[in-house]
Amino acid sequence: QEAYDLGIRLFGENKVQEIMDKSEVL
């Protein structure tokens, strides 16, 4: 979220579970 607030919109994840968890709250 902090990186998002600095203008970043593209994020890379290497685990499916992390994408699922983070996409729910970000």
PDB file of all heavy atoms in Angstrom:
ATOM      1  N   GLN A   1       0.840  -1.209   0.000  1.00  0.00           N
ATOM      2  CA  GLN A   1       0.000   0.000   0.000  1.00  0.00           C
ATOM      3  C   GLN A   1       0.874   1.258   0.000  1.00  0.00           C
ATOM      4  O   GLN A   1       0.570   2.236  -0.689  1.00  0.00           O
ATOM      5  CB  GLN A   1      -0.935   0.010   1.219  1.00  0.00           C
ATOM      6  CG  GLN A   1      -1.855   1.222   1.289  1.00  0.00           C
ATOM      7  CD  GLN A   1      -2.884   1.264   0.189  1.00  0.00           C
ATOM      8  OE1 GLN A   1      -3.608   0.295  -0.018  1.00  0.00           O
ATOM      9  NE2 GLN A   1      -2.970   2.384  -0.534  1.00  0.00           N
ATOM     10  N   GLU A   2       1.962   1.222   0.743  1.00  0.00           N
ATOM     11  CA  GLU A   2       2.876   2.370   0.786  1.00  0.00           C
ATOM     12  C   GLU A   2       3.473   2.629  -0.603  1.00  0.00           C
ATOM     13  O   GLU A   2       3.547   3.770  -1.062  1.00  0.00           O
ATOM     14  CB  GLU A   2       3.991   2.102   1.805  1.00  0.00           C
ATOM     15  CG  GLU A   2       4.891   3.292   2.051  1.00  0.00           C
ATOM     16  CD  GLU A   2       6.008   2.991   3.056  1.00  0.00           C
ATOM     17  OE1 GLU A   2       5.934   1.968   3.770  1.00  0.00           O
ATOM     18  OE2 GLU A   2       6.968   3.786   3.097  1.00  0.00           O
ATOM     19  N   ALA A   3       3.879   1.564  -1.298  1.00  0.00           N
ATOM     20  CA  ALA A   3       4.406   1.707  -2.661  1.00  0.00           C
ATOM     21  C   ALA A   3       3.314   2.199  -3.600  1.00  0.00           C
ATOM     22  O   ALA A   3       3.553   3.046  -4.472  1.00  0.00           O
ATOM     23  CB  ALA A   3       4.982   0.377  -3.153  1.00  0.00           C
ATOM     24  N   TYR A   4       2.107   1.703  -3.417  1.00  0.00           N
ATOM     25  CA  TYR A   4       0.958   2.157  -4.210  1.00  0.00           C
ATOM     26  C   TYR A   4       0.755   3.661  -4.029  1.00  0.00           C
ATOM     27  O   TYR A   4       0.539   4.397  -4.988  1.00  0.00           O
ATOM     28  CB  TYR A   4      -0.291   1.382  -3.782  1.00  0.00           C
ATOM     29  CG  TYR A   4      -1.558   1.812  -4.477  1.00  0.00           C
ATOM     30  CD1 TYR A   4      -1.979   1.192  -5.646  1.00  0.00           C
ATOM     31  CD2 TYR A   4      -2.345   2.837  -3.947  1.00  0.00           C
ATOM     32  CE1 TYR A   4      -3.149   1.595  -6.287  1.00  0.00           C
ATOM     33  CE2 TYR A   4      -3.507   3.237  -4.570  1.00  0.00           C
ATOM     34  CZ  TYR A   4      -3.908   2.620  -5.743  1.00  0.00           C
ATOM     35  OH  TYR A   4      -5.055   3.028  -6.375  1.00  0.00           O
ATOM     36  N   ASP A   5       0.830   4.105  -2.783  1.00  0.00           N
ATOM     37  CA  ASP A   5       0.648   5.530  -2.483  1.00  0.00           C
ATOM     38  C   ASP A   5       1.730   6.399  -3.121  1.00  0.00           C
ATOM     39  O   ASP A   5       1.536   7.601  -3.321  1.00  0.00           O
ATOM     40  CB  ASP A   5       0.618   5.759  -0.971  1.00  0.00           C
ATOM     41  CG  ASP A   5      -0.610   5.137  -0.309  1.00  0.00           C
ATOM     42  OD1 ASP A   5      -1.603   4.842  -1.023  1.00  0.00           O
ATOM     43  OD2 ASP A   5      -0.573   4.924   0.925  1.00  0.00           O
ATOM     44  N   LEU A   6       2.880   5.787  -3.453  1.00  0.00           N
ATOM     45  CA  LEU A   6       3.964   6.496  -4.139  1.00  0.00           C
ATOM     46  C   LEU A   6       3.819   6.434  -5.661  1.00  0.00           C
ATOM     47  O   LEU A   6       4.676   6.910  -6.392  1.00  0.00           O
ATOM     48  CB  LEU A   6       5.323   5.917  -3.721  1.00  0.00           C
ATOM     49  CG  LEU A   6       5.723   6.166  -2.265  1.00  0.00           C
ATOM     50  CD1 LEU A   6       6.940   5.327  -1.888  1.00  0.00           C
ATOM     51  CD2 LEU A   6       6.004   7.651  -2.035  1.00  0.00           C
ATOM     52  N   GLY A   7       2.740   5.804  -6.128  1.00  0.00           N
ATOM     53  CA  GLY A   7       2.452   5.791  -7.559  1.00  0.00           C
ATOM     54  C   GLY A   7       2.663   4.472  -8.280  1.00  0.00           C
ATOM     55  O   GLY A   7       2.380   4.352  -9.474  1.00  0.00           O
ATOM     56  N   ILE A   8       3.142   3.446  -7.595  1.00  0.00           N
ATOM     57  CA  ILE A   8       3.364   2.140  -8.229  1.00  0.00           C
ATOM     58  C   ILE A   8       2.009   1.438  -8.405  1.00  0.00           C
ATOM     59  O   ILE A   8       1.196   1.405  -7.485  1.00  0.00           O
ATOM     60  CB  ILE A   8       4.306   1.259  -7.375  1.00  0.00           C
ATOM     61  CG1 ILE A   8       5.656   1.941  -7.184  1.00  0.00           C
ATOM     62  CG2 ILE A   8       4.465  -0.124  -7.999  1.00  0.00           C
ATOM     63  CD1 ILE A   8       6.447   2.102  -8.444  1.00  0.00           C
ATOM     64  N   ARG A   9       1.799   0.862  -9.585  1.00  0.00           N
ATOM     65  CA  ARG A   9       0.554   0.131  -9.849  1.00  0.00           C
ATOM     66  C   ARG A   9       0.806  -1.304 -10.301  1.00  0.00           C
ATOM     67  O   ARG A   9      -0.122  -2.103 -10.336  1.00  0.00           O
ATOM     68  CB  ARG A   9      -0.280   0.856 -10.915  1.00  0.00           C
ATOM     69  CG  ARG A   9      -0.804   2.219 -10.485  1.00  0.00           C
ATOM     70  CD  ARG A   9      -1.775   2.103  -9.327  1.00  0.00           C
ATOM     71  NE  ARG A   9      -2.300   3.379  -8.893  1.00  0.00           N
ATOM     72  CZ  ARG A   9      -1.765   4.128  -7.942  1.00  0.00           C
ATOM     73  NH1 ARG A   9      -0.650   3.741  -7.317  1.00  0.00           N
ATOM     74  NH2 ARG A   9      -2.315   5.272  -7.585  1.00  0.00           N
ATOM     75  N   LEU A  10       2.034  -1.659 -10.660  1.00  0.00           N
ATOM     76  CA  LEU A  10       2.358  -3.015 -11.108  1.00  0.00           C
ATOM     77  C   LEU A  10       3.190  -3.709 -10.033  1.00  0.00           C
ATOM     78  O   LEU A  10       4.246  -3.201  -9.642  1.00  0.00           O
ATOM     79  CB  LEU A  10       3.150  -2.978 -12.418  1.00  0.00           C
ATOM     80  CG  LEU A  10       2.354  -2.803 -13.706  1.00  0.00           C
ATOM     81  CD1 LEU A  10       1.751  -1.422 -13.798  1.00  0.00           C
ATOM     82  CD2 LEU A  10       3.245  -3.050 -14.895  1.00  0.00           C
ATOM     83  N   PHE A  11       2.698  -4.862  -9.587  1.00  0.00           N
ATOM     84  CA  PHE A  11       3.373  -5.609  -8.536  1.00  0.00           C
ATOM     85  C   PHE A  11       3.555  -7.060  -8.957  1.00  0.00           C
ATOM     86  O   PHE A  11       2.657  -7.654  -9.551  1.00  0.00           O
ATOM     87  CB  PHE A  11       2.581  -5.546  -7.224  1.00  0.00           C
ATOM     88  CG  PHE A  11       2.567  -4.170  -6.607  1.00  0.00           C
ATOM     89  CD1 PHE A  11       1.568  -3.255  -6.916  1.00  0.00           C
ATOM     90  CD2 PHE A  11       3.566  -3.786  -5.728  1.00  0.00           C
ATOM     91  CE1 PHE A  11       1.560  -1.983  -6.361  1.00  0.00           C
ATOM     92  CE2 PHE A  11       3.572  -2.512  -5.168  1.00  0.00           C
ATOM     93  CZ  PHE A  11       2.567  -1.606  -5.486  1.00  0.00           C
ATOM     94  N   GLY A  12       4.724  -7.622  -8.645  1.00  0.00           N
ATOM     95  CA  GLY A  12       5.041  -8.998  -8.981  1.00  0.00           C
ATOM     96  C   GLY A  12       5.070  -9.871  -7.752  1.00  0.00           C
ATOM     97  O   GLY A  12       5.717  -9.539  -6.758  1.00  0.00           O
ATOM     98  N   GLU A  13       4.369 -10.993  -7.833  1.00  0.00           N
ATOM     99  CA  GLU A  13       4.331 -11.974  -6.748  1.00  0.00           C
ATOM    100  C   GLU A  13       4.778 -13.324  -7.286  1.00  0.00           C
ATOM    101  O   GLU A  13       4.548 -13.640  -8.448  1.00  0.00           O
ATOM    102  CB  GLU A  13       2.909 -12.102  -6.189  1.00  0.00           C
ATOM    103  CG  GLU A  13       2.423 -10.886  -5.421  1.00  0.00           C
ATOM    104  CD  GLU A  13       3.061 -10.745  -4.045  1.00  0.00           C
ATOM    105  OE1 GLU A  13       3.630 -11.730  -3.536  1.00  0.00           O
ATOM    106  OE2 GLU A  13       2.990  -9.638  -3.478  1.00  0.00           O
ATOM    107  N   ASN A  14       5.377 -14.134  -6.423  1.00  0.00           N
ATOM    108  CA  ASN A  14       5.803 -15.456  -6.873  1.00  0.00           C
ATOM    109  C   ASN A  14       4.998 -16.588  -6.250  1.00  0.00           C
ATOM    110  O   ASN A  14       5.277 -17.745  -6.499  1.00  0.00           O
ATOM    111  CB  ASN A  14       7.302 -15.671  -6.644  1.00  0.00           C
ATOM    112  CG  ASN A  14       7.661 -15.791  -5.181  1.00  0.00           C
ATOM    113  OD1 ASN A  14       6.921 -15.348  -4.314  1.00  0.00           O
ATOM    114  ND2 ASN A  14       8.799 -16.391  -4.899  1.00  0.00           N
ATOM    115  N   LYS A  15       3.982 -16.246  -5.453  1.00  0.00           N
ATOM    116  CA  LYS A  15       3.121 -17.272  -4.850  1.00  0.00           C
ATOM    117  C   LYS A  15       1.654 -16.911  -5.112  1.00  0.00           C
ATOM    118  O   LYS A  15       1.226 -15.776  -4.898  1.00  0.00           O
ATOM    119  CB  LYS A  15       3.376 -17.378  -3.353  1.00  0.00           C
ATOM    120  CG  LYS A  15       4.757 -17.941  -3.024  1.00  0.00           C
ATOM    121  CD  LYS A  15       4.829 -18.425  -1.609  1.00  0.00           C
ATOM    122  CE  LYS A  15       6.149 -19.016  -1.195  1.00  0.00           C
ATOM    123  NZ  LYS A  15       7.072 -19.427  -2.141  1.00  0.00           N
ATOM    124  N   VAL A  16       0.912 -17.908  -5.551  1.00  0.00           N
ATOM    125  CA  VAL A  16      -0.503 -17.720  -5.855  1.00  0.00           C
ATOM    126  C   VAL A  16      -1.259 -17.218  -4.628  1.00  0.00           C
ATOM    127  O   VAL A  16      -2.074 -16.295  -4.723  1.00  0.00           O
ATOM    128  CB  VAL A  16      -1.112 -19.038  -6.389  1.00  0.00           C
ATOM    129  CG1 VAL A  16      -2.625 -18.981  -6.421  1.00  0.00           C
ATOM    130  CG2 VAL A  16      -0.543 -19.351  -7.766  1.00  0.00           C
ATOM    131  N   GLN A  17      -0.990 -17.799  -3.472  1.00  0.00           N
ATOM    132  CA  GLN A  17      -1.713 -17.422  -2.261  1.00  0.00           C
ATOM    133  C   GLN A  17      -1.514 -15.942  -1.925  1.00  0.00           C
ATOM    134  O   GLN A  17      -2.447 -15.268  -1.486  1.00  0.00           O
ATOM    135  CB  GLN A  17      -1.283 -18.296  -1.080  1.00  0.00           C
ATOM    136  CG  GLN A  17      -2.173 -18.135   0.151  1.00  0.00           C
ATOM    137  CD  GLN A  17      -3.620 -18.542  -0.102  1.00  0.00           C
ATOM    138  OE1 GLN A  17      -3.880 -19.621  -0.605  1.00  0.00           O
ATOM    139  NE2 GLN A  17      -4.545 -17.667   0.229  1.00  0.00           N
ATOM    140  N   GLU A  18      -0.303 -15.430  -2.148  1.00  0.00           N
ATOM    141  CA  GLU A  18      -0.058 -14.011  -1.850  1.00  0.00           C
ATOM    142  C   GLU A  18      -0.855 -13.106  -2.781  1.00  0.00           C
ATOM    143  O   GLU A  18      -1.361 -12.071  -2.363  1.00  0.00           O
ATOM    144  CB  GLU A  18       1.435 -13.698  -1.924  1.00  0.00           C
ATOM    145  CG  GLU A  18       2.198 -14.225  -0.721  1.00  0.00           C
ATOM    146  CD  GLU A  18       3.479 -13.448  -0.458  1.00  0.00           C
ATOM    147  OE1 GLU A  18       3.440 -12.205  -0.403  1.00  0.00           O
ATOM    148  OE2 GLU A  18       4.520 -14.099  -0.309  1.00  0.00           O
ATOM    149  N   ILE A  19      -0.956 -13.488  -4.049  1.00  0.00           N
ATOM    150  CA  ILE A  19      -1.779 -12.692  -4.984  1.00  0.00           C
ATOM    151  C   ILE A  19      -3.223 -12.699  -4.516  1.00  0.00           C
ATOM    152  O   ILE A  19      -3.882 -11.650  -4.474  1.00  0.00           O
ATOM    153  CB  ILE A  19      -1.673 -13.243  -6.421  1.00  0.00           C
ATOM    154  CG1 ILE A  19      -0.278 -12.986  -6.986  1.00  0.00           C
ATOM    155  CG2 ILE A  19      -2.740 -12.614  -7.323  1.00  0.00           C
ATOM    156  CD1 ILE A  19      -0.005 -13.637  -8.328  1.00  0.00           C
ATOM    157  N   MET A  20      -3.719 -13.863  -4.150  1.00  0.00           N
ATOM    158  CA  MET A  20      -5.111 -13.963  -3.716  1.00  0.00           C
ATOM    159  C   MET A  20      -5.362 -13.131  -2.461  1.00  0.00           C
ATOM    160  O   MET A  20      -6.332 -12.380  -2.394  1.00  0.00           O
ATOM    161  CB  MET A  20      -5.474 -15.431  -3.485  1.00  0.00           C
ATOM    162  CG  MET A  20      -5.501 -16.242  -4.772  1.00  0.00           C
ATOM    163  SD  MET A  20      -5.653 -18.016  -4.491  1.00  0.00           S
ATOM    164  CE  MET A  20      -7.170 -18.094  -3.556  1.00  0.00           C
ATOM    165  N   ASP A  21      -4.481 -13.261  -1.484  1.00  0.00           N
ATOM    166  CA  ASP A  21      -4.662 -12.531  -0.222  1.00  0.00           C
ATOM    167  C   ASP A  21      -4.555 -11.025  -0.425  1.00  0.00           C
ATOM    168  O   ASP A  21      -5.398 -10.259   0.046  1.00  0.00           O
ATOM    169  CB  ASP A  21      -3.630 -12.979   0.812  1.00  0.00           C
ATOM    170  CG  ASP A  21      -3.831 -14.420   1.270  1.00  0.00           C
ATOM    171  OD1 ASP A  21      -4.907 -14.994   0.996  1.00  0.00           O
ATOM    172  OD2 ASP A  21      -2.898 -14.975   1.878  1.00  0.00           O
ATOM    173  N   LYS A  22      -3.533 -10.583  -1.130  1.00  0.00           N
ATOM    174  CA  LYS A  22      -3.303  -9.146  -1.284  1.00  0.00           C
ATOM    175  C   LYS A  22      -4.333  -8.492  -2.198  1.00  0.00           C
ATOM    176  O   LYS A  22      -4.732  -7.348  -1.970  1.00  0.00           O
ATOM    177  CB  LYS A  22      -1.880  -8.889  -1.792  1.00  0.00           C
ATOM    178  CG  LYS A  22      -0.822  -9.196  -0.742  1.00  0.00           C
ATOM    179  CD  LYS A  22       0.588  -9.087  -1.280  1.00  0.00           C
ATOM    180  CE  LYS A  22       1.605  -9.490  -0.231  1.00  0.00           C
ATOM    181  NZ  LYS A  22       2.974  -9.562  -0.743  1.00  0.00           N
ATOM    182  N   SER A  23      -4.771  -9.210  -3.222  1.00  0.00           N
ATOM    183  CA  SER A  23      -5.759  -8.611  -4.133  1.00  0.00           C
ATOM    184  C   SER A  23      -7.094  -8.369  -3.435  1.00  0.00           C
ATOM    185  O   SER A  23      -7.876  -7.531  -3.865  1.00  0.00           O
ATOM    186  CB  SER A  23      -5.952  -9.489  -5.372  1.00  0.00           C
ATOM    187  OG  SER A  23      -6.540 -10.721  -5.041  1.00  0.00           O
ATOM    188  N   GLU A  24      -7.330  -9.087  -2.339  1.00  0.00           N
ATOM    189  CA  GLU A  24      -8.579  -8.900  -1.583  1.00  0.00           C
ATOM    190  C   GLU A  24      -8.573  -7.614  -0.761  1.00  0.00           C
ATOM    191  O   GLU A  24      -9.632  -7.044  -0.515  1.00  0.00           O
ATOM    192  CB  GLU A  24      -8.803 -10.094  -0.634  1.00  0.00           C
ATOM    193  CG  GLU A  24      -9.134 -11.387  -1.340  1.00  0.00           C
ATOM    194  CD  GLU A  24     -10.503 -11.362  -1.994  1.00  0.00           C
ATOM    195  OE1 GLU A  24     -11.458 -10.867  -1.362  1.00  0.00           O
ATOM    196  OE2 GLU A  24     -10.615 -11.829  -3.138  1.00  0.00           O
ATOM    197  N   VAL A  25      -7.400  -7.174  -0.313  1.00  0.00           N
ATOM    198  CA  VAL A  25      -7.345  -6.057   0.635  1.00  0.00           C
ATOM    199  C   VAL A  25      -6.717  -4.787   0.068  1.00  0.00           C
ATOM    200  O   VAL A  25      -6.766  -3.740   0.708  1.00  0.00           O
ATOM    201  CB  VAL A  25      -6.597  -6.467   1.929  1.00  0.00           C
ATOM    202  CG1 VAL A  25      -7.329  -7.599   2.630  1.00  0.00           C
ATOM    203  CG2 VAL A  25      -5.155  -6.841   1.649  1.00  0.00           C
ATOM    204  N   LEU A  26      -6.145  -4.868  -1.119  1.00  0.00           N
ATOM    205  CA  LEU A  26      -5.467  -3.713  -1.711  1.00  0.00           C
ATOM    206  C   LEU A  26      -6.311  -3.126  -2.840  1.00  0.00           C
ATOM    207  O   LEU A  26      -7.248  -3.770  -3.320  1.00  0.00           O
ATOM    208  CB  LEU A  26      -4.080  -4.120  -2.199  1.00  0.00           C
ATOM    209  CG  LEU A  26      -3.085  -4.396  -1.065  1.00  0.00           C
ATOM    210  CD1 LEU A  26      -1.901  -5.211  -1.555  1.00  0.00           C
ATOM    211  CD2 LEU A  26      -2.616  -3.095  -0.426  1.00  0.00           C
TER     212      LEU A  26
END
